[in-house]
N, C-alpha and C. Protein backbone atom coordinates (compact mmCIF):
# COMPACT_ATOMS: atom_id res chain seq x y z
N MET A 1 199.03 96.61 -160.41
CA MET A 1 199.29 95.70 -159.32
C MET A 1 198.98 96.42 -158.01
N ASN A 2 198.25 95.77 -157.13
CA ASN A 2 197.94 96.40 -155.85
C ASN A 2 198.92 95.94 -154.77
N ASN A 3 198.80 96.49 -153.58
CA ASN A 3 199.73 96.21 -152.48
C ASN A 3 199.83 94.72 -152.17
N LEU A 4 198.70 94.04 -152.08
CA LEU A 4 198.71 92.63 -151.73
C LEU A 4 199.34 91.78 -152.81
N GLU A 5 199.12 92.12 -154.06
CA GLU A 5 199.75 91.38 -155.15
C GLU A 5 201.26 91.53 -155.11
N LEU A 6 201.74 92.74 -154.85
CA LEU A 6 203.17 92.99 -154.79
C LEU A 6 203.80 92.19 -153.65
N ILE A 7 203.19 92.23 -152.49
CA ILE A 7 203.73 91.51 -151.34
C ILE A 7 203.66 90.00 -151.54
N SER A 8 202.58 89.50 -152.14
CA SER A 8 202.44 88.06 -152.32
C SER A 8 203.48 87.51 -153.29
N GLU A 9 204.04 88.35 -154.16
CA GLU A 9 205.06 87.89 -155.09
C GLU A 9 206.44 87.80 -154.43
N ILE A 10 206.57 88.35 -153.25
CA ILE A 10 207.86 88.36 -152.55
C ILE A 10 207.76 87.38 -151.39
N ARG A 11 207.73 86.11 -151.69
CA ARG A 11 207.48 85.07 -150.69
C ARG A 11 208.66 84.81 -149.78
N ASP A 12 209.87 85.00 -150.24
CA ASP A 12 211.03 84.65 -149.42
C ASP A 12 211.54 85.82 -148.57
N TRP A 13 210.76 86.86 -148.47
CA TRP A 13 211.14 88.01 -147.66
C TRP A 13 210.42 87.97 -146.32
N ILE A 14 211.00 88.64 -145.34
CA ILE A 14 210.38 88.77 -144.03
C ILE A 14 210.03 90.24 -143.84
N PHE A 15 208.78 90.51 -143.52
CA PHE A 15 208.32 91.88 -143.29
C PHE A 15 208.07 92.08 -141.80
N HIS A 16 208.47 93.24 -141.29
CA HIS A 16 208.21 93.61 -139.90
C HIS A 16 207.49 94.94 -139.90
N TYR A 17 206.45 95.02 -139.08
CA TYR A 17 205.73 96.28 -138.90
C TYR A 17 206.14 96.83 -137.54
N ILE A 18 206.56 98.07 -137.52
CA ILE A 18 206.94 98.71 -136.26
C ILE A 18 206.13 99.99 -136.12
N ASP A 19 205.40 100.10 -135.02
CA ASP A 19 204.63 101.30 -134.72
C ASP A 19 205.59 102.33 -134.15
N THR A 20 205.94 103.32 -134.95
CA THR A 20 206.94 104.29 -134.51
C THR A 20 206.47 105.16 -133.35
N THR A 21 205.17 105.25 -133.15
CA THR A 21 204.69 106.02 -131.99
C THR A 21 204.91 105.25 -130.70
N GLN A 22 205.03 103.94 -130.80
CA GLN A 22 205.26 103.10 -129.62
C GLN A 22 206.73 102.71 -129.46
N SER A 23 207.52 102.88 -130.52
CA SER A 23 208.92 102.47 -130.52
C SER A 23 209.80 103.62 -130.99
N LEU A 24 209.76 104.72 -130.27
CA LEU A 24 210.50 105.92 -130.67
C LEU A 24 212.00 105.68 -130.75
N GLU A 25 212.54 104.93 -129.79
CA GLU A 25 213.98 104.68 -129.76
C GLU A 25 214.42 103.87 -130.99
N LEU A 26 213.66 102.84 -131.33
CA LEU A 26 213.99 102.03 -132.50
C LEU A 26 213.88 102.86 -133.78
N ALA A 27 212.84 103.67 -133.88
CA ALA A 27 212.68 104.54 -135.05
C ALA A 27 213.88 105.48 -135.18
N ALA A 28 214.33 106.04 -134.08
CA ALA A 28 215.47 106.94 -134.10
C ALA A 28 216.75 106.20 -134.49
N GLN A 29 216.93 104.99 -133.97
CA GLN A 29 218.12 104.19 -134.30
C GLN A 29 218.19 103.89 -135.80
N GLN A 30 217.02 103.68 -136.40
CA GLN A 30 216.96 103.34 -137.82
C GLN A 30 216.78 104.58 -138.71
N LEU A 31 216.81 105.77 -138.10
CA LEU A 31 216.65 107.04 -138.81
C LEU A 31 215.34 107.10 -139.59
N VAL A 32 214.27 106.63 -138.95
CA VAL A 32 212.93 106.66 -139.54
C VAL A 32 212.22 107.87 -138.98
N PHE A 33 212.02 108.88 -139.83
CA PHE A 33 211.37 110.12 -139.40
C PHE A 33 210.08 110.39 -140.14
N ALA A 34 209.75 109.53 -141.11
CA ALA A 34 208.51 109.67 -141.88
C ALA A 34 207.89 108.29 -142.03
N VAL A 35 206.58 108.27 -142.14
CA VAL A 35 205.87 107.00 -142.35
C VAL A 35 205.05 107.11 -143.62
N PRO A 36 204.94 106.07 -144.38
CA PRO A 36 205.63 104.79 -144.15
C PRO A 36 207.09 104.87 -144.60
N THR A 37 207.91 104.03 -144.00
CA THR A 37 209.28 103.86 -144.43
C THR A 37 209.52 102.37 -144.61
N LEU A 38 210.02 102.01 -145.77
CA LEU A 38 210.36 100.62 -146.07
C LEU A 38 211.88 100.55 -146.21
N ILE A 39 212.49 99.66 -145.46
CA ILE A 39 213.94 99.50 -145.51
C ILE A 39 214.22 98.06 -145.92
N ARG A 40 215.02 97.92 -146.96
CA ARG A 40 215.40 96.60 -147.44
C ARG A 40 216.83 96.33 -147.01
N TYR A 41 217.02 95.19 -146.35
CA TYR A 41 218.35 94.78 -145.92
C TYR A 41 218.81 93.59 -146.73
N ILE A 42 220.06 93.59 -147.11
CA ILE A 42 220.69 92.45 -147.77
C ILE A 42 221.95 92.14 -146.96
N ASP A 43 222.05 90.91 -146.49
CA ASP A 43 223.19 90.49 -145.66
C ASP A 43 223.37 91.43 -144.47
N GLU A 44 222.26 91.77 -143.83
CA GLU A 44 222.23 92.59 -142.62
C GLU A 44 222.70 94.03 -142.83
N LYS A 45 222.76 94.48 -144.08
CA LYS A 45 223.12 95.86 -144.38
C LYS A 45 221.99 96.51 -145.17
N GLU A 46 221.73 97.78 -144.88
CA GLU A 46 220.68 98.49 -145.60
C GLU A 46 221.05 98.63 -147.07
N ALA A 47 220.15 98.16 -147.93
CA ALA A 47 220.41 98.21 -149.37
C ALA A 47 219.54 99.25 -150.05
N GLN A 48 218.31 99.42 -149.57
CA GLN A 48 217.39 100.40 -150.17
C GLN A 48 216.47 100.95 -149.09
N ARG A 49 216.01 102.18 -149.32
CA ARG A 49 215.08 102.82 -148.40
C ARG A 49 214.06 103.59 -149.23
N PHE A 50 212.79 103.39 -148.88
CA PHE A 50 211.69 104.11 -149.51
C PHE A 50 210.92 104.77 -148.38
N SER A 51 210.60 106.04 -148.54
CA SER A 51 209.97 106.74 -147.44
C SER A 51 208.90 107.71 -147.92
N ARG A 52 207.94 107.96 -147.04
CA ARG A 52 206.84 108.90 -147.22
C ARG A 52 205.92 108.49 -148.36
N ASN A 53 205.98 109.13 -149.48
CA ASN A 53 205.10 108.82 -150.62
C ASN A 53 205.75 107.75 -151.48
N VAL A 54 205.40 106.51 -151.23
CA VAL A 54 206.01 105.39 -151.94
C VAL A 54 205.17 105.06 -153.16
N ASP A 55 205.79 105.18 -154.32
CA ASP A 55 205.14 104.83 -155.57
C ASP A 55 205.31 103.33 -155.78
N LEU A 56 204.20 102.59 -155.81
CA LEU A 56 204.28 101.14 -155.90
C LEU A 56 204.96 100.65 -157.17
N SER A 57 204.77 101.35 -158.28
CA SER A 57 205.44 100.92 -159.51
C SER A 57 206.95 101.13 -159.39
N GLU A 58 207.37 102.20 -158.74
CA GLU A 58 208.79 102.45 -158.51
C GLU A 58 209.36 101.39 -157.56
N LEU A 59 208.59 101.08 -156.53
CA LEU A 59 209.01 100.05 -155.57
C LEU A 59 209.13 98.70 -156.26
N GLU A 60 208.16 98.35 -157.05
CA GLU A 60 208.18 97.08 -157.77
C GLU A 60 209.40 97.00 -158.69
N PHE A 61 209.70 98.07 -159.41
CA PHE A 61 210.86 98.09 -160.31
C PHE A 61 212.16 97.93 -159.52
N ALA A 62 212.29 98.63 -158.41
CA ALA A 62 213.51 98.60 -157.62
C ALA A 62 213.74 97.23 -156.99
N LEU A 63 212.67 96.53 -156.68
CA LEU A 63 212.81 95.24 -156.00
C LEU A 63 212.87 94.07 -156.96
N SER A 64 212.72 94.34 -158.25
CA SER A 64 212.74 93.24 -159.21
C SER A 64 214.15 92.94 -159.69
C-alpha cells in the first residue's frame, strides 16, 4: 500500500500540514522536533505519535 492509498482509506479524518520552519512556536508547543511527525488526536487529546522514520505498514496497523 502506498501513501495515497493509506490516506484515501481514512476519509473521516482531517489532516493538517504545518511547515515547522515557518511555525517554530507551534512546533515547540506540540513538541515536534523531527520531521515528519504525525500526531493523532482523539477527543482533542493526543492518542498516538509517529515521528522521523515512519514505517507505513506500522502506521497502517496502528490506525486500523
